Amino acid sequence: MATSRTAVVSLVLLPHANARHDVLRFLLSGLMITVALMGSGLDRAAGAACDFAPVKQQIDIVLDHDAERGAKFRSEVASGSDSIAMMEALVSAEMREKIDICRYDVAEYLTKRGFPPFH
């Protein structure tokens, strides 16, 4: 008896269950594609917004050409200050914004120069 009930229930409910399953699969696929496209768009927008050349030039000026700011940067970083935060404190407000936008590149470059950021 149990076998015939199972067969009847599966025949009656199976088409509806598959239809619901297909709709859910379609919606989830669409959602995943939308999230992936949004994420890639954000990555491109963030990467396009960072113009690292002037930031690198300003870091080089502070470290190599401005004795006073270079000495202050080195002493503060040696005493435990974050190298990125210290660099931001020594530059103009406009350059601070650029450093913030290019934070990853700044961290990589300062690490290369011997001043890894605080973690």
PDB file of N, CA and C in Angstrom:
ATOM      1  N   MET A   1       0.800  -1.182   0.000  1.00  0.00           N
ATOM      2  CA  MET A   1       0.000   0.000   0.000  1.00  0.00           C
ATOM      3  C   MET A   1       0.857   1.266   0.000  1.00  0.00           C
ATOM      4  N   ALA A   2       1.901   1.247   0.754  1.00  0.00           N
ATOM      5  CA  ALA A   2       2.756   2.428   0.843  1.00  0.00           C
ATOM      6  C   ALA A   2       3.363   2.754  -0.507  1.00  0.00           C
ATOM      7  N   THR A   3       3.648   1.742  -1.291  1.00  0.00           N
ATOM      8  CA  THR A   3       4.259   1.966  -2.598  1.00  0.00           C
ATOM      9  C   THR A   3       3.295   2.688  -3.523  1.00  0.00           C
ATOM     10  N   SER A   4       2.034   2.306  -3.519  1.00  0.00           N
ATOM     11  CA  SER A   4       1.076   2.953  -4.411  1.00  0.00           C
ATOM     12  C   SER A   4       0.813   4.393  -3.989  1.00  0.00           C
ATOM     13  N   ARG A   5       0.781   4.652  -2.685  1.00  0.00           N
ATOM     14  CA  ARG A   5       0.617   6.034  -2.218  1.00  0.00           C
ATOM     15  C   ARG A   5       1.787   6.894  -2.667  1.00  0.00           C
ATOM     16  N   THR A   6       2.989   6.376  -2.536  1.00  0.00           N
ATOM     17  CA  THR A   6       4.183   7.117  -2.941  1.00  0.00           C
ATOM     18  C   THR A   6       4.144   7.423  -4.427  1.00  0.00           C
ATOM     19  N   ALA A   7       3.721   6.451  -5.212  1.00  0.00           N
ATOM     20  CA  ALA A   7       3.648   6.651  -6.651  1.00  0.00           C
ATOM     21  C   ALA A   7       2.618   7.715  -7.001  1.00  0.00           C
ATOM     22  N   VAL A   8       1.471   7.689  -6.343  1.00  0.00           N
ATOM     23  CA  VAL A   8       0.427   8.679  -6.609  1.00  0.00           C
ATOM     24  C   VAL A   8       0.889  10.065  -6.167  1.00  0.00           C
ATOM     25  N   VAL A   9       1.464  10.158  -4.998  1.00  0.00           N
ATOM     26  CA  VAL A   9       1.931  11.449  -4.482  1.00  0.00           C
ATOM     27  C   VAL A   9       3.021  12.006  -5.383  1.00  0.00           C
ATOM     28  N   SER A  10       3.957  11.171  -5.805  1.00  0.00           N
ATOM     29  CA  SER A  10       5.033  11.669  -6.651  1.00  0.00           C
ATOM     30  C   SER A  10       4.523  12.082  -8.015  1.00  0.00           C
ATOM     31  N   LEU A  11       3.507  11.381  -8.550  1.00  0.00           N
ATOM     32  CA  LEU A  11       2.947  11.770  -9.841  1.00  0.00           C
ATOM     33  C   LEU A  11       2.197  13.098  -9.740  1.00  0.00           C
ATOM     34  N   VAL A  12       1.510  13.304  -8.637  1.00  0.00           N
ATOM     35  CA  VAL A  12       0.720  14.522  -8.468  1.00  0.00           C
ATOM     36  C   VAL A  12       1.618  15.708  -8.120  1.00  0.00           C
ATOM     37  N   LEU A  13       2.575  15.527  -7.226  1.00  0.00           N
ATOM     38  CA  LEU A  13       3.381  16.632  -6.733  1.00  0.00           C
ATOM     39  C   LEU A  13       4.652  16.869  -7.545  1.00  0.00           C
ATOM     40  N   LEU A  14       5.116  15.897  -8.248  1.00  0.00           N
ATOM     41  CA  LEU A  14       6.381  16.010  -8.959  1.00  0.00           C
ATOM     42  C   LEU A  14       6.408  17.161  -9.959  1.00  0.00           C
ATOM     43  N   PRO A  15       5.403  17.334 -10.804  1.00  0.00           N
ATOM     44  CA  PRO A  15       5.466  18.453 -11.748  1.00  0.00           C
ATOM     45  C   PRO A  15       5.522  19.809 -11.032  1.00  0.00           C
ATOM     46  N   HIS A  16       4.781  19.948  -9.954  1.00  0.00           N
ATOM     47  CA  HIS A  16       4.783  21.213  -9.211  1.00  0.00           C
ATOM     48  C   HIS A  16       6.126  21.435  -8.517  1.00  0.00           C
ATOM     49  N   ALA A  17       6.660  20.378  -7.960  1.00  0.00           N
ATOM     50  CA  ALA A  17       7.955  20.497  -7.274  1.00  0.00           C
ATOM     51  C   ALA A  17       9.050  20.858  -8.265  1.00  0.00           C
ATOM     52  N   ASN A  18       9.049  20.243  -9.445  1.00  0.00           N
ATOM     53  CA  ASN A  18      10.051  20.574 -10.459  1.00  0.00           C
ATOM     54  C   ASN A  18       9.888  22.003 -10.948  1.00  0.00           C
ATOM     55  N   ALA A  19       8.676  22.447 -11.108  1.00  0.00           N
ATOM     56  CA  ALA A  19       8.431  23.813 -11.568  1.00  0.00           C
ATOM     57  C   ALA A  19       8.941  24.805 -10.531  1.00  0.00           C
ATOM     58  N   ARG A  20       8.634  24.548  -9.269  1.00  0.00           N
ATOM     59  CA  ARG A  20       9.132  25.427  -8.198  1.00  0.00           C
ATOM     60  C   ARG A  20      10.646  25.397  -8.148  1.00  0.00           C
ATOM     61  N   HIS A  21      11.196  24.214  -8.290  1.00  0.00           N
ATOM     62  CA  HIS A  21      12.651  24.071  -8.257  1.00  0.00           C
ATOM     63  C   HIS A  21      13.296  24.848  -9.406  1.00  0.00           C
ATOM     64  N   ASP A  22      12.679  24.741 -10.606  1.00  0.00           N
ATOM     65  CA  ASP A  22      13.217  25.460 -11.770  1.00  0.00           C
ATOM     66  C   ASP A  22      13.131  26.968 -11.574  1.00  0.00           C
ATOM     67  N   VAL A  23      12.042  27.451 -11.022  1.00  0.00           N
ATOM     68  CA  VAL A  23      11.887  28.889 -10.776  1.00  0.00           C
ATOM     69  C   VAL A  23      12.913  29.362  -9.756  1.00  0.00           C
ATOM     70  N   LEU A  24      13.071  28.605  -8.676  1.00  0.00           N
ATOM     71  CA  LEU A  24      14.059  28.981  -7.666  1.00  0.00           C
ATOM     72  C   LEU A  24      15.482  28.965  -8.235  1.00  0.00           C
ATOM     73  N   ARG A  25      15.780  27.943  -9.021  1.00  0.00           N
ATOM     74  CA  ARG A  25      17.107  27.859  -9.634  1.00  0.00           C
ATOM     75  C   ARG A  25      17.343  29.054 -10.566  1.00  0.00           C
ATOM     76  N   PHE A  26      16.322  29.416 -11.346  1.00  0.00           N
ATOM     77  CA  PHE A  26      16.415  30.553 -12.259  1.00  0.00           C
ATOM     78  C   PHE A  26      16.635  31.854 -11.483  1.00  0.00           C
ATOM     79  N   LEU A  27      15.857  32.048 -10.412  1.00  0.00           N
ATOM     80  CA  LEU A  27      15.997  33.272  -9.615  1.00  0.00           C
ATOM     81  C   LEU A  27      17.369  33.351  -8.939  1.00  0.00           C
ATOM     82  N   LEU A  28      17.821  32.240  -8.384  1.00  0.00           N
ATOM     83  CA  LEU A  28      19.128  32.239  -7.733  1.00  0.00           C
ATOM     84  C   LEU A  28      20.258  32.460  -8.739  1.00  0.00           C
ATOM     85  N   SER A  29      20.133  31.882  -9.921  1.00  0.00           N
ATOM     86  CA  SER A  29      21.140  32.100 -10.961  1.00  0.00           C
ATOM     87  C   SER A  29      21.191  33.569 -11.353  1.00  0.00           C
ATOM     88  N   GLY A  30      20.011  34.165 -11.525  1.00  0.00           N
ATOM     89  CA  GLY A  30      19.956  35.590 -11.864  1.00  0.00           C
ATOM     90  C   GLY A  30      20.548  36.456 -10.777  1.00  0.00           C
ATOM     91  N   LEU A  31      20.255  36.112  -9.538  1.00  0.00           N
ATOM     92  CA  LEU A  31      20.799  36.860  -8.405  1.00  0.00           C
ATOM     93  C   LEU A  31      22.319  36.750  -8.355  1.00  0.00           C
ATOM     94  N   MET A  32      22.829  35.547  -8.562  1.00  0.00           N
ATOM     95  CA  MET A  32      24.284  35.344  -8.529  1.00  0.00           C
ATOM     96  C   MET A  32      24.967  36.101  -9.659  1.00  0.00           C
ATOM     97  N   ILE A  33      24.378  36.104 -10.828  1.00  0.00           N
ATOM     98  CA  ILE A  33      24.959  36.836 -11.957  1.00  0.00           C
ATOM     99  C   ILE A  33      24.944  38.336 -11.679  1.00  0.00           C
ATOM    100  N   THR A  34      23.848  38.833 -11.120  1.00  0.00           N
ATOM    101  CA  THR A  34      23.748  40.257 -10.796  1.00  0.00           C
ATOM    102  C   THR A  34      24.797  40.656  -9.774  1.00  0.00           C
ATOM    103  N   VAL A  35      24.956  39.871  -8.735  1.00  0.00           N
ATOM    104  CA  VAL A  35      25.960  40.168  -7.705  1.00  0.00           C
ATOM    105  C   VAL A  35      27.363  40.128  -8.300  1.00  0.00           C
ATOM    106  N   ALA A  36      27.638  39.162  -9.152  1.00  0.00           N
ATOM    107  CA  ALA A  36      28.960  39.064  -9.776  1.00  0.00           C
ATOM    108  C   ALA A  36      29.240  40.271 -10.659  1.00  0.00           C
ATOM    109  N   LEU A  37      28.258  40.699 -11.422  1.00  0.00           N
ATOM    110  CA  LEU A  37      28.444  41.866 -12.283  1.00  0.00           C
ATOM    111  C   LEU A  37      28.620  43.140 -11.470  1.00  0.00           C
ATOM    112  N   MET A  38      27.873  43.271 -10.399  1.00  0.00           N
ATOM    113  CA  MET A  38      28.024  44.449  -9.544  1.00  0.00           C
ATOM    114  C   MET A  38      29.402  44.469  -8.906  1.00  0.00           C
ATOM    115  N   GLY A  39      29.867  43.330  -8.449  1.00  0.00           N
ATOM    116  CA  GLY A  39      31.191  43.246  -7.829  1.00  0.00           C
ATOM    117  C   GLY A  39      32.293  43.587  -8.804  1.00  0.00           C
ATOM    118  N   SER A  40      32.201  43.096 -10.024  1.00  0.00           N
ATOM    119  CA  SER A  40      33.241  43.396 -11.007  1.00  0.00           C
ATOM    120  C   SER A  40      33.199  44.859 -11.403  1.00  0.00           C
ATOM    121  N   GLY A  41      32.017  45.442 -11.438  1.00  0.00           N
ATOM    122  CA  GLY A  41      31.899  46.869 -11.736  1.00  0.00           C
ATOM    123  C   GLY A  41      32.510  47.717 -10.651  1.00  0.00           C
ATOM    124  N   LEU A  42      32.323  47.321  -9.401  1.00  0.00           N
ATOM    125  CA  LEU A  42      32.915  48.064  -8.295  1.00  0.00           C
ATOM    126  C   LEU A  42      34.429  47.956  -8.317  1.00  0.00           C
ATOM    127  N   ASP A  43      34.940  46.765  -8.637  1.00  0.00           N
ATOM    128  CA  ASP A  43      36.391  46.597  -8.722  1.00  0.00           C
ATOM    129  C   ASP A  43      36.975  47.485  -9.808  1.00  0.00           C
ATOM    130  N   ARG A  44      36.312  47.523 -10.969  1.00  0.00           N
ATOM    131  CA  ARG A  44      36.799  48.367 -12.060  1.00  0.00           C
ATOM    132  C   ARG A  44      36.729  49.834 -11.684  1.00  0.00           C
ATOM    133  N   ALA A  45      35.650  50.253 -11.028  1.00  0.00           N
ATOM    134  CA  ALA A  45      35.501  51.655 -10.638  1.00  0.00           C
ATOM    135  C   ALA A  45      36.570  52.042  -9.617  1.00  0.00           C
ATOM    136  N   ALA A  46      36.833  51.159  -8.658  1.00  0.00           N
ATOM    137  CA  ALA A  46      37.852  51.450  -7.652  1.00  0.00           C
ATOM    138  C   ALA A  46      39.238  51.492  -8.282  1.00  0.00           C
ATOM    139  N   GLY A  47      39.520  50.572  -9.184  1.00  0.00           N
ATOM    140  CA  GLY A  47      40.820  50.556  -9.838  1.00  0.00           C
ATOM    141  C   GLY A  47      41.014  51.748 -10.749  1.00  0.00           C
ATOM    142  N   ALA A  48      39.957  52.171 -11.428  1.00  0.00           N
ATOM    143  CA  ALA A  48      40.052  53.304 -12.342  1.00  0.00           C
ATOM    144  C   ALA A  48      40.203  54.607 -11.586  1.00  0.00           C
ATOM    145  N   ALA A  49      39.688  54.677 -10.375  1.00  0.00           N
ATOM    146  CA  ALA A  49      39.734  55.919  -9.608  1.00  0.00           C
ATOM    147  C   ALA A  49      41.125  56.195  -9.038  1.00  0.00           C
ATOM    148  N   CYS A  50      41.939  55.177  -8.891  1.00  0.00           N
ATOM    149  CA  CYS A  50      43.262  55.350  -8.295  1.00  0.00           C
ATOM    150  C   CYS A  50      44.271  55.756  -9.363  1.00  0.00           C
ATOM    151  N   ASP A  51      44.782  56.972  -9.221  1.00  0.00           N
ATOM    152  CA  ASP A  51      45.874  57.447 -10.062  1.00  0.00           C
ATOM    153  C   ASP A  51      47.105  57.486  -9.163  1.00  0.00           C
ATOM    154  N   PHE A  52      47.880  56.412  -9.188  1.00  0.00           N
ATOM    155  CA  PHE A  52      48.956  56.252  -8.215  1.00  0.00           C
ATOM    156  C   PHE A  52      50.198  57.083  -8.525  1.00  0.00           C
ATOM    157  N   ALA A  53      50.400  57.474  -9.765  1.00  0.00           N
ATOM    158  CA  ALA A  53      51.626  58.201 -10.125  1.00  0.00           C
ATOM    159  C   ALA A  53      51.852  59.464  -9.279  1.00  0.00           C
ATOM    160  N   PRO A  54      50.863  60.361  -9.124  1.00  0.00           N
ATOM    161  CA  PRO A  54      51.116  61.541  -8.286  1.00  0.00           C
ATOM    162  C   PRO A  54      51.283  61.196  -6.807  1.00  0.00           C
ATOM    163  N   VAL A  55      50.616  60.143  -6.360  1.00  0.00           N
ATOM    164  CA  VAL A  55      50.758  59.712  -4.963  1.00  0.00           C
ATOM    165  C   VAL A  55      52.174  59.204  -4.726  1.00  0.00           C
ATOM    166  N   LYS A  56      52.671  58.385  -5.641  1.00  0.00           N
ATOM    167  CA  LYS A  56      54.038  57.859  -5.541  1.00  0.00           C
ATOM    168  C   LYS A  56      55.041  59.004  -5.553  1.00  0.00           C
ATOM    169  N   GLN A  57      54.808  59.976  -6.418  1.00  0.00           N
ATOM    170  CA  GLN A  57      55.702  61.132  -6.497  1.00  0.00           C
ATOM    171  C   GLN A  57      55.713  61.894  -5.169  1.00  0.00           C
ATOM    172  N   GLN A  58      54.540  62.061  -4.555  1.00  0.00           N
ATOM    173  CA  GLN A  58      54.471  62.765  -3.272  1.00  0.00           C
ATOM    174  C   GLN A  58      55.168  61.974  -2.165  1.00  0.00           C
ATOM    175  N   ILE A  59      55.015  60.671  -2.166  1.00  0.00           N
ATOM    176  CA  ILE A  59      55.714  59.836  -1.176  1.00  0.00           C
ATOM    177  C   ILE A  59      57.222  59.990  -1.349  1.00  0.00           C
ATOM    178  N   ASP A  60      57.681  59.948  -2.590  1.00  0.00           N
ATOM    179  CA  ASP A  60      59.114  60.122  -2.857  1.00  0.00           C
ATOM    180  C   ASP A  60      59.607  61.490  -2.407  1.00  0.00           C
ATOM    181  N   ILE A  61      58.792  62.521  -2.613  1.00  0.00           N
ATOM    182  CA  ILE A  61      59.181  63.868  -2.159  1.00  0.00           C
ATOM    183  C   ILE A  61      59.331  63.898  -0.648  1.00  0.00           C
ATOM    184  N   VAL A  62      58.352  63.344   0.055  1.00  0.00           N
ATOM    185  CA  VAL A  62      58.408  63.339   1.524  1.00  0.00           C
ATOM    186  C   VAL A  62      59.616  62.551   2.016  1.00  0.00           C
ATOM    187  N   LEU A  63      59.841  61.378   1.439  1.00  0.00           N
ATOM    188  CA  LEU A  63      60.908  60.510   1.945  1.00  0.00           C
ATOM    189  C   LEU A  63      62.308  60.917   1.476  1.00  0.00           C
ATOM    190  N   ASP A  64      62.425  61.455   0.259  1.00  0.00           N
ATOM    191  CA  ASP A  64      63.754  61.676  -0.316  1.00  0.00           C
ATOM    192  C   ASP A  64      64.176  63.141  -0.421  1.00  0.00           C
ATOM    193  N   HIS A  65      63.226  64.053  -0.545  1.00  0.00           N
ATOM    194  CA  HIS A  65      63.601  65.436  -0.852  1.00  0.00           C
ATOM    195  C   HIS A  65      63.269  66.437   0.241  1.00  0.00           C
ATOM    196  N   ASP A  66      62.358  66.115   1.132  1.00  0.00           N
ATOM    197  CA  ASP A  66      61.985  67.042   2.216  1.00  0.00           C
ATOM    198  C   ASP A  66      62.556  66.494   3.517  1.00  0.00           C
ATOM    199  N   ALA A  67      63.692  67.053   3.924  1.00  0.00           N
ATOM    200  CA  ALA A  67      64.413  66.519   5.083  1.00  0.00           C
ATOM    201  C   ALA A  67      63.574  66.558   6.353  1.00  0.00           C
ATOM    202  N   GLU A  68      62.852  67.648   6.564  1.00  0.00           N
ATOM    203  CA  GLU A  68      62.078  67.790   7.803  1.00  0.00           C
ATOM    204  C   GLU A  68      60.928  66.784   7.868  1.00  0.00           C
ATOM    205  N   ARG A  69      60.128  66.729   6.810  1.00  0.00           N
ATOM    206  CA  ARG A  69      58.992  65.791   6.809  1.00  0.00           C
ATOM    207  C   ARG A  69      59.482  64.344   6.754  1.00  0.00           C
ATOM    208  N   GLY A  70      60.576  64.083   6.031  1.00  0.00           N
ATOM    209  CA  GLY A  70      61.135  62.735   5.971  1.00  0.00           C
ATOM    210  C   GLY A  70      61.610  62.251   7.325  1.00  0.00           C
ATOM    211  N   ALA A  71      62.273  63.148   8.059  1.00  0.00           N
ATOM    212  CA  ALA A  71      62.762  62.791   9.399  1.00  0.00           C
ATOM    213  C   ALA A  71      61.592  62.527  10.343  1.00  0.00           C
ATOM    214  N   LYS A  72      60.575  63.394  10.262  1.00  0.00           N
ATOM    215  CA  LYS A  72      59.401  63.193  11.131  1.00  0.00           C
ATOM    216  C   LYS A  72      58.714  61.868  10.794  1.00  0.00           C
ATOM    217  N   PHE A  73      58.554  61.560   9.495  1.00  0.00           N
ATOM    218  CA  PHE A  73      57.932  60.310   9.069  1.00  0.00           C
ATOM    219  C   PHE A  73      58.712  59.121   9.623  1.00  0.00           C
ATOM    220  N   ARG A  74      60.018  59.124   9.417  1.00  0.00           N
ATOM    221  CA  ARG A  74      60.848  57.999   9.869  1.00  0.00           C
ATOM    222  C   ARG A  74      60.802  57.825  11.377  1.00  0.00           C
ATOM    223  N   SER A  75      60.871  58.925  12.114  1.00  0.00           N
ATOM    224  CA  SER A  75      60.878  58.819  13.574  1.00  0.00           C
ATOM    225  C   SER A  75      59.533  58.312  14.098  1.00  0.00           C
ATOM    226  N   GLU A  76      58.439  58.804  13.541  1.00  0.00           N
ATOM    227  CA  GLU A  76      57.110  58.365  13.990  1.00  0.00           C
ATOM    228  C   GLU A  76      56.862  56.896  13.655  1.00  0.00           C
ATOM    229  N   VAL A  77      57.258  56.488  12.443  1.00  0.00           N
ATOM    230  CA  VAL A  77      57.057  55.085  12.047  1.00  0.00           C
ATOM    231  C   VAL A  77      57.943  54.174  12.892  1.00  0.00           C
ATOM    232  N   ALA A  78      59.161  54.607  13.175  1.00  0.00           N
ATOM    233  CA  ALA A  78      60.062  53.807  14.018  1.00  0.00           C
ATOM    234  C   ALA A  78      59.511  53.649  15.432  1.00  0.00           C
ATOM    235  N   SER A  79      58.744  54.650  15.901  1.00  0.00           N
ATOM    236  CA  SER A  79      58.180  54.564  17.252  1.00  0.00           C
ATOM    237  C   SER A  79      56.844  53.830  17.282  1.00  0.00           C
ATOM    238  N   GLY A  80      56.390  53.311  16.115  1.00  0.00           N
ATOM    239  CA  GLY A  80      55.196  52.468  16.097  1.00  0.00           C
ATOM    240  C   GLY A  80      53.991  53.040  15.381  1.00  0.00           C
ATOM    241  N   SER A  81      54.090  54.224  14.813  1.00  0.00           N
ATOM    242  CA  SER A  81      52.952  54.805  14.093  1.00  0.00           C
ATOM    243  C   SER A  81      52.730  54.078  12.769  1.00  0.00           C
ATOM    244  N   ASP A  82      51.509  54.115  12.302  1.00  0.00           N
ATOM    245  CA  ASP A  82      51.150  53.524  11.013  1.00  0.00           C
ATOM    246  C   ASP A  82      51.752  54.375   9.911  1.00  0.00           C
ATOM    247  N   SER A  83      52.448  53.746   8.974  1.00  0.00           N
ATOM    248  CA  SER A  83      53.136  54.491   7.923  1.00  0.00           C
ATOM    249  C   SER A  83      52.157  55.221   7.005  1.00  0.00           C
ATOM    250  N   ILE A  84      51.014  54.632   6.715  1.00  0.00           N
ATOM    251  CA  ILE A  84      50.042  55.301   5.847  1.00  0.00           C
ATOM    252  C   ILE A  84      49.431  56.493   6.566  1.00  0.00           C
ATOM    253  N   ALA A  85      49.046  56.314   7.811  1.00  0.00           N
ATOM    254  CA  ALA A  85      48.469  57.419   8.580  1.00  0.00           C
ATOM    255  C   ALA A  85      49.477  58.551   8.733  1.00  0.00           C
ATOM    256  N   MET A  86      50.727  58.212   8.937  1.00  0.00           N
ATOM    257  CA  MET A  86      51.763  59.240   9.077  1.00  0.00           C
ATOM    258  C   MET A  86      51.964  59.980   7.768  1.00  0.00           C
ATOM    259  N   MET A  87      51.948  59.260   6.660  1.00  0.00           N
ATOM    260  CA  MET A  87      52.084  59.906   5.353  1.00  0.00           C
ATOM    261  C   MET A  87      50.907  60.838   5.111  1.00  0.00           C
ATOM    262  N   GLU A  88      49.714  60.401   5.471  1.00  0.00           N
ATOM    263  CA  GLU A  88      48.536  61.256   5.313  1.00  0.00           C
ATOM    264  C   GLU A  88      48.645  62.524   6.147  1.00  0.00           C
ATOM    265  N   ALA A  89      49.262  62.427   7.313  1.00  0.00           N
ATOM    266  CA  ALA A  89      49.410  63.596   8.178  1.00  0.00           C
ATOM    267  C   ALA A  89      50.405  64.609   7.615  1.00  0.00           C
ATOM    268  N   LEU A  90      51.302  64.173   6.755  1.00  0.00           N
ATOM    269  CA  LEU A  90      52.364  65.049   6.262  1.00  0.00           C
ATOM    270  C   LEU A  90      52.087  65.672   4.895  1.00  0.00           C
ATOM    271  N   VAL A  91      50.953  65.357   4.292  1.00  0.00           N
ATOM    272  CA  VAL A  91      50.650  65.862   2.943  1.00  0.00           C
ATOM    273  C   VAL A  91      49.391  66.729   2.977  1.00  0.00           C
ATOM    274  N   SER A  92      49.098  67.363   1.843  1.00  0.00           N
ATOM    275  CA  SER A  92      47.926  68.231   1.742  1.00  0.00           C
ATOM    276  C   SER A  92      46.627  67.419   1.814  1.00  0.00           C
ATOM    277  N   ALA A  93      45.528  68.122   2.029  1.00  0.00           N
ATOM    278  CA  ALA A  93      44.217  67.462   2.117  1.00  0.00           C
ATOM    279  C   ALA A  93      43.869  66.757   0.802  1.00  0.00           C
ATOM    280  N   GLU A  94      44.186  67.380  -0.316  1.00  0.00           N
ATOM    281  CA  GLU A  94      43.911  66.767  -1.619  1.00  0.00           C
ATOM    282  C   GLU A  94      44.703  65.466  -1.788  1.00  0.00           C
ATOM    283  N   MET A  95      45.967  65.489  -1.382  1.00  0.00           N
ATOM    284  CA  MET A  95      46.802  64.292  -1.490  1.00  0.00           C
ATOM    285  C   MET A  95      46.335  63.222  -0.506  1.00  0.00           C
ATOM    286  N   ARG A  96      45.822  63.632   0.659  1.00  0.00           N
ATOM    287  CA  ARG A  96      45.278  62.679   1.629  1.00  0.00           C
ATOM    288  C   ARG A  96      44.148  61.873   1.010  1.00  0.00           C
ATOM    289  N   GLU A  97      43.285  62.543   0.248  1.00  0.00           N
ATOM    290  CA  GLU A  97      42.180  61.848  -0.419  1.00  0.00           C
ATOM    291  C   GLU A  97      42.712  60.860  -1.450  1.00  0.00           C
ATOM    292  N   LYS A  98      43.734  61.269  -2.192  1.00  0.00           N
ATOM    293  CA  LYS A  98      44.321  60.375  -3.193  1.00  0.00           C
ATOM    294  C   LYS A  98      44.982  59.170  -2.532  1.00  0.00           C
ATOM    295  N   ILE A  99      45.645  59.406  -1.406  1.00  0.00           N
ATOM    296  CA  ILE A  99      46.267  58.293  -0.662  1.00  0.00           C
ATOM    297  C   ILE A  99      45.183  57.328  -0.186  1.00  0.00           C
ATOM    298  N   ASP A 100      44.073  57.870   0.273  1.00  0.00           N
ATOM    299  CA  ASP A 100      42.983  57.025   0.751  1.00  0.00           C
ATOM    300  C   ASP A 100      42.403  56.187  -0.386  1.00  0.00           C
ATOM    301  N   ILE A 101      42.255  56.775  -1.562  1.00  0.00           N
ATOM    302  CA  ILE A 101      41.734  56.047  -2.716  1.00  0.00           C
ATOM    303  C   ILE A 101      42.703  54.944  -3.143  1.00  0.00           C
ATOM    304  N   CYS A 102      43.987  55.230  -3.076  1.00  0.00           N
ATOM    305  CA  CYS A 102      45.022  54.289  -3.523  1.00  0.00           C
ATOM    306  C   CYS A 102      45.663  53.539  -2.359  1.00  0.00           C
ATOM    307  N   ARG A 103      44.919  53.315  -1.308  1.00  0.00           N
ATOM    308  CA  ARG A 103      45.463  52.748  -0.069  1.00  0.00           C
ATOM    309  C   ARG A 103      46.252  51.456  -0.298  1.00  0.00           C
ATOM    310  N   TYR A 104      45.755  50.574  -1.124  1.00  0.00           N
ATOM    311  CA  TYR A 104      46.455  49.310  -1.372  1.00  0.00           C
ATOM    312  C   TYR A 104      47.808  49.562  -2.028  1.00  0.00           C
ATOM    313  N   ASP A 105      47.829  50.401  -3.068  1.00  0.00           N
ATOM    314  CA  ASP A 105      49.086  50.701  -3.764  1.00  0.00           C
ATOM    315  C   ASP A 105      50.070  51.423  -2.842  1.00  0.00           C
ATOM    316  N   VAL A 106      49.551  52.320  -2.009  1.00  0.00           N
ATOM    317  CA  VAL A 106      50.397  53.038  -1.055  1.00  0.00           C
ATOM    318  C   VAL A 106      51.025  52.053  -0.073  1.00  0.00           C
ATOM    319  N   ALA A 107      50.229  51.126   0.441  1.00  0.00           N
ATOM    320  CA  ALA A 107      50.757  50.125   1.380  1.00  0.00           C
ATOM    321  C   ALA A 107      51.842  49.286   0.718  1.00  0.00           C
ATOM    322  N   GLU A 108      51.608  48.865  -0.520  1.00  0.00           N
ATOM    323  CA  GLU A 108      52.612  48.078  -1.244  1.00  0.00           C
ATOM    324  C   GLU A 108      53.893  48.882  -1.463  1.00  0.00           C
ATOM    325  N   TYR A 109      53.751  50.143  -1.865  1.00  0.00           N
ATOM    326  CA  TYR A 109      54.921  50.965  -2.155  1.00  0.00           C
ATOM    327  C   TYR A 109      55.696  51.299  -0.868  1.00  0.00           C
ATOM    328  N   LEU A 110      54.981  51.643   0.188  1.00  0.00           N
ATOM    329  CA  LEU A 110      55.681  51.924   1.446  1.00  0.00           C
ATOM    330  C   LEU A 110      56.371  50.676   1.986  1.00  0.00           C
ATOM    331  N   THR A 111      55.775  49.515   1.795  1.00  0.00           N
ATOM    332  CA  THR A 111      56.421  48.266   2.196  1.00  0.00           C
ATOM    333  C   THR A 111      57.699  48.054   1.400  1.00  0.00           C
ATOM    334  N   LYS A 112      57.616  48.308   0.102  1.00  0.00           N
ATOM    335  CA  LYS A 112      58.791  48.196  -0.754  1.00  0.00           C
ATOM    336  C   LYS A 112      59.895  49.168  -0.322  1.00  0.00           C
ATOM    337  N   ARG A 113      59.492  50.338   0.164  1.00  0.00           N
ATOM    338  CA  ARG A 113      60.449  51.344   0.624  1.00  0.00           C
ATOM    339  C   ARG A 113      60.953  51.064   2.045  1.00  0.00           C
ATOM    340  N   GLY A 114      60.410  50.028   2.697  1.00  0.00           N
ATOM    341  CA  GLY A 114      60.873  49.654   4.030  1.00  0.00           C
ATOM    342  C   GLY A 114      60.007  50.128   5.172  1.00  0.00           C
ATOM    343  N   PHE A 115      58.783  50.578   4.850  1.00  0.00           N
ATOM    344  CA  PHE A 115      57.880  51.083   5.879  1.00  0.00           C
ATOM    345  C   PHE A 115      56.523  50.388   5.773  1.00  0.00           C
ATOM    346  N   PRO A 116      56.454  49.116   6.148  1.00  0.00           N
ATOM    347  CA  PRO A 116      55.165  48.416   6.039  1.00  0.00           C
ATOM    348  C   PRO A 116      54.115  49.061   6.946  1.00  0.00           C
ATOM    349  N   PRO A 117      52.863  49.068   6.490  1.00  0.00           N
ATOM    350  CA  PRO A 117      51.796  49.666   7.325  1.00  0.00           C
ATOM    351  C   PRO A 117      51.521  48.813   8.547  1.00  0.00           C
ATOM    352  N   PHE A 118      50.956  49.452   9.541  1.00  0.00           N
ATOM    353  CA  PHE A 118      50.584  48.786  10.770  1.00  0.00           C
ATOM    354  C   PHE A 118      49.416  47.837  10.496  1.00  0.00           C
ATOM    355  N   HIS A 119      49.494  46.599  11.002  1.00  0.00           N
ATOM    356  CA  HIS A 119      48.393  45.634  10.801  1.00  0.00           C
ATOM    357  C   HIS A 119      47.797  45.276  12.126  1.00  0.00           C
TER     358      HIS A 119
END
